[in-house]
Amino acid sequence: LLDVDNIGIANEELSMRVKAIAPSGCYSDLEIALEKIDERHHILTASATYFSKNNICPYNIVSRDTIISFTPQVTGVYYFSANKPDLTILRDTLIVE
């Protein structure tokens, strides 16, 4: 899940809703981060700790919902991207006035 407001104002904080999903119960400590590629391009990444005993994992999905605060500095269109578990790219845009 990647949910960014459609319109924002320069130098005013906004929030984006993000959900990361790991495919099995061998994952824990799921973390989500927003990385700046350049002034208007950002990517959301997720990482987790993986542990299995005898290569056996519980069949349950591990997920984390979070709100990430973001303050656009200049006007224009901002682009955000993230991957889903099947590696389909999620994209969203924000127009900053």
N, C-alpha and C. Protein backbone atom coordinates (compact mmCIF):
# COMPACT_ATOMS: atom_id res chain seq x y z
N LEU A 1 0.85 -1.18 0.00
CA LEU A 1 0.00 0.00 0.00
C LEU A 1 0.89 1.23 0.00
N LEU A 2 0.60 2.17 -0.86
CA LEU A 2 1.29 3.45 -0.92
C LEU A 2 0.23 4.50 -1.16
N ASP A 3 -0.02 5.34 -0.16
CA ASP A 3 -1.09 6.33 -0.24
C ASP A 3 -0.52 7.70 0.12
N VAL A 4 -0.37 8.54 -0.90
CA VAL A 4 0.19 9.89 -0.74
C VAL A 4 -0.90 10.90 -1.09
N ASP A 5 -0.96 12.01 -0.34
CA ASP A 5 -1.90 13.07 -0.68
C ASP A 5 -1.69 13.50 -2.13
N ASN A 6 -2.75 13.99 -2.77
CA ASN A 6 -2.63 14.45 -4.15
C ASN A 6 -1.98 15.83 -4.26
N ILE A 7 -2.27 16.70 -3.30
CA ILE A 7 -1.77 18.07 -3.34
C ILE A 7 -1.18 18.44 -2.00
N GLY A 8 -0.05 19.15 -2.02
CA GLY A 8 0.59 19.63 -0.80
C GLY A 8 1.08 21.04 -0.99
N ILE A 9 1.61 21.62 0.07
CA ILE A 9 2.14 22.98 0.04
C ILE A 9 3.60 22.93 0.45
N ALA A 10 4.44 23.66 -0.28
CA ALA A 10 5.87 23.66 0.01
C ALA A 10 6.12 24.05 1.47
N ASN A 11 7.03 23.34 2.10
CA ASN A 11 7.46 23.56 3.49
C ASN A 11 6.39 23.25 4.54
N GLU A 12 5.33 22.51 4.14
CA GLU A 12 4.34 22.06 5.10
C GLU A 12 4.34 20.54 5.14
N GLU A 13 4.40 20.00 6.35
CA GLU A 13 4.48 18.55 6.53
C GLU A 13 3.19 17.86 6.09
N LEU A 14 3.33 16.72 5.45
CA LEU A 14 2.20 15.88 5.11
C LEU A 14 2.54 14.45 5.49
N SER A 15 1.53 13.60 5.50
CA SER A 15 1.73 12.21 5.88
C SER A 15 1.37 11.29 4.73
N MET A 16 2.11 10.20 4.61
CA MET A 16 1.77 9.18 3.63
C MET A 16 1.62 7.85 4.35
N ARG A 17 0.62 7.10 3.94
CA ARG A 17 0.35 5.80 4.54
C ARG A 17 1.02 4.72 3.71
N VAL A 18 1.75 3.84 4.40
CA VAL A 18 2.52 2.81 3.73
C VAL A 18 2.32 1.48 4.45
N LYS A 19 2.24 0.39 3.68
CA LYS A 19 2.16 -0.94 4.28
C LYS A 19 3.16 -1.84 3.58
N ALA A 20 3.96 -2.54 4.38
CA ALA A 20 4.92 -3.51 3.84
C ALA A 20 4.47 -4.90 4.27
N ILE A 21 4.69 -5.88 3.40
CA ILE A 21 4.28 -7.26 3.68
C ILE A 21 5.44 -8.20 3.39
N ALA A 22 5.70 -9.11 4.34
CA ALA A 22 6.69 -10.17 4.15
C ALA A 22 5.92 -11.49 3.97
N PRO A 23 6.43 -12.40 3.15
CA PRO A 23 5.65 -13.57 2.74
C PRO A 23 5.52 -14.73 3.73
N SER A 24 6.25 -14.70 4.85
CA SER A 24 6.12 -15.81 5.79
C SER A 24 6.47 -15.37 7.21
N GLY A 25 6.19 -16.25 8.15
CA GLY A 25 6.47 -15.97 9.55
C GLY A 25 7.94 -16.05 9.92
N CYS A 26 8.81 -16.34 8.97
CA CYS A 26 10.25 -16.32 9.24
C CYS A 26 10.79 -14.89 9.28
N TYR A 27 10.00 -13.94 8.86
CA TYR A 27 10.41 -12.53 8.87
C TYR A 27 9.91 -11.85 10.14
N SER A 28 10.71 -10.95 10.66
CA SER A 28 10.32 -10.15 11.81
C SER A 28 11.00 -8.79 11.73
N ASP A 29 10.65 -7.91 12.64
CA ASP A 29 11.27 -6.58 12.70
C ASP A 29 11.20 -5.85 11.36
N LEU A 30 10.05 -5.86 10.74
CA LEU A 30 9.85 -5.21 9.45
C LEU A 30 9.98 -3.70 9.61
N GLU A 31 10.84 -3.09 8.82
CA GLU A 31 11.09 -1.65 8.86
C GLU A 31 10.83 -1.05 7.48
N ILE A 32 10.29 0.16 7.46
CA ILE A 32 10.01 0.88 6.22
C ILE A 32 10.76 2.20 6.25
N ALA A 33 11.39 2.56 5.14
CA ALA A 33 12.15 3.80 5.08
C ALA A 33 11.85 4.54 3.77
N LEU A 34 11.92 5.85 3.83
CA LEU A 34 11.77 6.71 2.66
C LEU A 34 13.15 7.22 2.28
N GLU A 35 13.59 6.90 1.06
CA GLU A 35 14.91 7.31 0.59
C GLU A 35 14.76 8.33 -0.53
N LYS A 36 15.54 9.39 -0.44
CA LYS A 36 15.52 10.44 -1.46
C LYS A 36 16.47 10.07 -2.59
N ILE A 37 15.94 10.03 -3.81
CA ILE A 37 16.78 9.77 -4.98
C ILE A 37 17.32 11.10 -5.51
N ASP A 38 16.42 12.06 -5.67
CA ASP A 38 16.81 13.44 -5.98
C ASP A 38 15.72 14.34 -5.41
N GLU A 39 15.73 15.61 -5.74
CA GLU A 39 14.82 16.58 -5.12
C GLU A 39 13.35 16.17 -5.17
N ARG A 40 12.94 15.52 -6.26
CA ARG A 40 11.52 15.20 -6.42
C ARG A 40 11.22 13.72 -6.60
N HIS A 41 12.21 12.86 -6.48
CA HIS A 41 12.01 11.42 -6.62
C HIS A 41 12.41 10.72 -5.34
N HIS A 42 11.50 9.88 -4.81
CA HIS A 42 11.74 9.16 -3.57
C HIS A 42 11.31 7.71 -3.74
N ILE A 43 11.95 6.81 -3.02
CA ILE A 43 11.58 5.40 -3.06
C ILE A 43 11.38 4.91 -1.63
N LEU A 44 10.35 4.11 -1.44
CA LEU A 44 10.09 3.49 -0.15
C LEU A 44 10.69 2.09 -0.19
N THR A 45 11.45 1.75 0.84
CA THR A 45 12.05 0.43 0.93
C THR A 45 11.63 -0.23 2.23
N ALA A 46 11.63 -1.55 2.22
CA ALA A 46 11.32 -2.31 3.43
C ALA A 46 12.43 -3.33 3.64
N SER A 47 12.74 -3.57 4.90
CA SER A 47 13.71 -4.60 5.26
C SER A 47 13.20 -5.34 6.48
N ALA A 48 13.71 -6.54 6.68
CA ALA A 48 13.27 -7.36 7.80
C ALA A 48 14.38 -8.32 8.20
N THR A 49 14.25 -8.85 9.39
CA THR A 49 15.13 -9.91 9.86
C THR A 49 14.51 -11.24 9.44
N TYR A 50 15.35 -12.15 8.93
CA TYR A 50 14.87 -13.46 8.50
C TYR A 50 15.53 -14.54 9.35
N PHE A 51 14.73 -15.45 9.88
CA PHE A 51 15.25 -16.59 10.64
C PHE A 51 14.35 -17.79 10.41
N SER A 52 14.96 -18.92 10.08
CA SER A 52 14.20 -20.17 9.98
C SER A 52 14.98 -21.27 10.66
N LYS A 53 14.25 -22.19 11.22
CA LYS A 53 14.87 -23.37 11.83
C LYS A 53 14.59 -24.55 10.92
N ASN A 54 15.65 -25.17 10.40
CA ASN A 54 15.54 -26.30 9.47
C ASN A 54 14.78 -25.92 8.20
N ASN A 55 14.91 -24.68 7.78
CA ASN A 55 14.25 -24.17 6.57
C ASN A 55 12.73 -24.31 6.61
N ILE A 56 12.17 -24.25 7.80
CA ILE A 56 10.72 -24.32 7.96
C ILE A 56 10.22 -22.97 8.46
N CYS A 57 9.21 -22.43 7.79
CA CYS A 57 8.65 -21.13 8.17
C CYS A 57 7.16 -21.27 8.43
N PRO A 58 6.66 -20.59 9.45
CA PRO A 58 5.21 -20.57 9.67
C PRO A 58 4.51 -19.95 8.46
N TYR A 59 3.35 -20.49 8.13
CA TYR A 59 2.60 -19.98 7.00
C TYR A 59 1.69 -18.85 7.47
N ASN A 60 2.27 -17.70 7.68
CA ASN A 60 1.50 -16.50 7.99
C ASN A 60 2.22 -15.30 7.39
N ILE A 61 1.46 -14.31 7.05
CA ILE A 61 2.03 -13.10 6.46
C ILE A 61 2.34 -12.12 7.58
N VAL A 62 3.52 -11.52 7.49
CA VAL A 62 3.93 -10.50 8.44
C VAL A 62 3.78 -9.16 7.75
N SER A 63 3.11 -8.21 8.39
CA SER A 63 2.93 -6.91 7.75
C SER A 63 3.17 -5.79 8.75
N ARG A 64 3.40 -4.61 8.21
CA ARG A 64 3.57 -3.42 9.03
C ARG A 64 2.95 -2.24 8.31
N ASP A 65 2.01 -1.59 8.98
CA ASP A 65 1.43 -0.33 8.50
C ASP A 65 2.14 0.80 9.23
N THR A 66 2.42 1.86 8.52
CA THR A 66 3.04 3.00 9.16
C THR A 66 2.65 4.28 8.44
N ILE A 67 2.84 5.37 9.12
CA ILE A 67 2.65 6.71 8.55
C ILE A 67 4.03 7.36 8.50
N ILE A 68 4.40 7.84 7.33
CA ILE A 68 5.69 8.52 7.16
C ILE A 68 5.42 9.99 6.92
N SER A 69 6.06 10.83 7.69
CA SER A 69 5.94 12.29 7.51
C SER A 69 6.93 12.74 6.45
N PHE A 70 6.49 13.70 5.65
CA PHE A 70 7.32 14.20 4.56
C PHE A 70 7.03 15.69 4.39
N THR A 71 8.08 16.48 4.22
CA THR A 71 7.93 17.92 4.01
C THR A 71 8.56 18.29 2.67
N PRO A 72 7.75 18.56 1.64
CA PRO A 72 8.31 18.97 0.34
C PRO A 72 8.92 20.37 0.47
N GLN A 73 10.09 20.55 -0.11
CA GLN A 73 10.81 21.82 0.03
C GLN A 73 10.52 22.81 -1.09
N VAL A 74 10.24 22.30 -2.28
CA VAL A 74 10.02 23.20 -3.42
C VAL A 74 8.72 22.81 -4.13
N THR A 75 8.19 23.71 -4.95
CA THR A 75 6.98 23.42 -5.69
C THR A 75 7.28 22.48 -6.87
N GLY A 76 6.24 21.85 -7.38
CA GLY A 76 6.40 20.95 -8.52
C GLY A 76 5.78 19.59 -8.23
N VAL A 77 6.06 18.63 -9.09
CA VAL A 77 5.52 17.29 -8.95
C VAL A 77 6.57 16.39 -8.29
N TYR A 78 6.16 15.67 -7.27
CA TYR A 78 7.02 14.72 -6.56
C TYR A 78 6.56 13.31 -6.92
N TYR A 79 7.52 12.40 -7.07
CA TYR A 79 7.23 11.03 -7.45
C TYR A 79 7.70 10.07 -6.35
N PHE A 80 6.84 9.12 -6.00
CA PHE A 80 7.15 8.12 -4.98
C PHE A 80 6.95 6.74 -5.59
N SER A 81 7.82 5.81 -5.27
CA SER A 81 7.65 4.45 -5.76
C SER A 81 8.00 3.44 -4.67
N ALA A 82 7.42 2.26 -4.81
CA ALA A 82 7.65 1.15 -3.88
C ALA A 82 7.33 -0.15 -4.60
N ASN A 83 7.84 -1.27 -4.10
CA ASN A 83 7.54 -2.58 -4.67
C ASN A 83 6.51 -3.31 -3.84
N LYS A 84 5.68 -4.07 -4.50
CA LYS A 84 4.79 -5.03 -3.84
C LYS A 84 5.56 -6.36 -3.77
N PRO A 85 5.07 -7.33 -3.01
CA PRO A 85 5.78 -8.61 -2.91
C PRO A 85 6.03 -9.31 -4.24
N ASP A 86 5.17 -9.11 -5.23
CA ASP A 86 5.42 -9.73 -6.54
C ASP A 86 6.27 -8.83 -7.44
N LEU A 87 6.87 -7.82 -6.87
CA LEU A 87 7.78 -6.88 -7.53
C LEU A 87 7.13 -5.95 -8.54
N THR A 88 5.82 -5.85 -8.52
CA THR A 88 5.13 -4.84 -9.31
C THR A 88 5.42 -3.49 -8.65
N ILE A 89 5.79 -2.51 -9.43
CA ILE A 89 6.12 -1.21 -8.88
C ILE A 89 4.84 -0.43 -8.57
N LEU A 90 4.74 0.06 -7.35
CA LEU A 90 3.66 0.98 -6.97
C LEU A 90 4.18 2.39 -7.16
N ARG A 91 3.36 3.26 -7.71
CA ARG A 91 3.77 4.65 -7.92
C ARG A 91 2.66 5.58 -7.45
N ASP A 92 3.08 6.75 -6.95
CA ASP A 92 2.12 7.77 -6.59
C ASP A 92 2.80 9.12 -6.81
N THR A 93 2.00 10.15 -7.02
CA THR A 93 2.55 11.48 -7.23
C THR A 93 1.91 12.47 -6.26
N LEU A 94 2.62 13.55 -6.05
CA LEU A 94 2.16 14.65 -5.20
C LEU A 94 2.46 15.94 -5.93
N ILE A 95 1.47 16.80 -6.07
CA ILE A 95 1.67 18.12 -6.67
C ILE A 95 1.81 19.11 -5.54
N VAL A 96 2.94 19.82 -5.51
CA VAL A 96 3.22 20.78 -4.46
C VAL A 96 3.08 22.19 -5.01
N GLU A 97 2.26 22.99 -4.33
CA GLU A 97 2.02 24.37 -4.77
C GLU A 97 2.79 25.34 -3.90
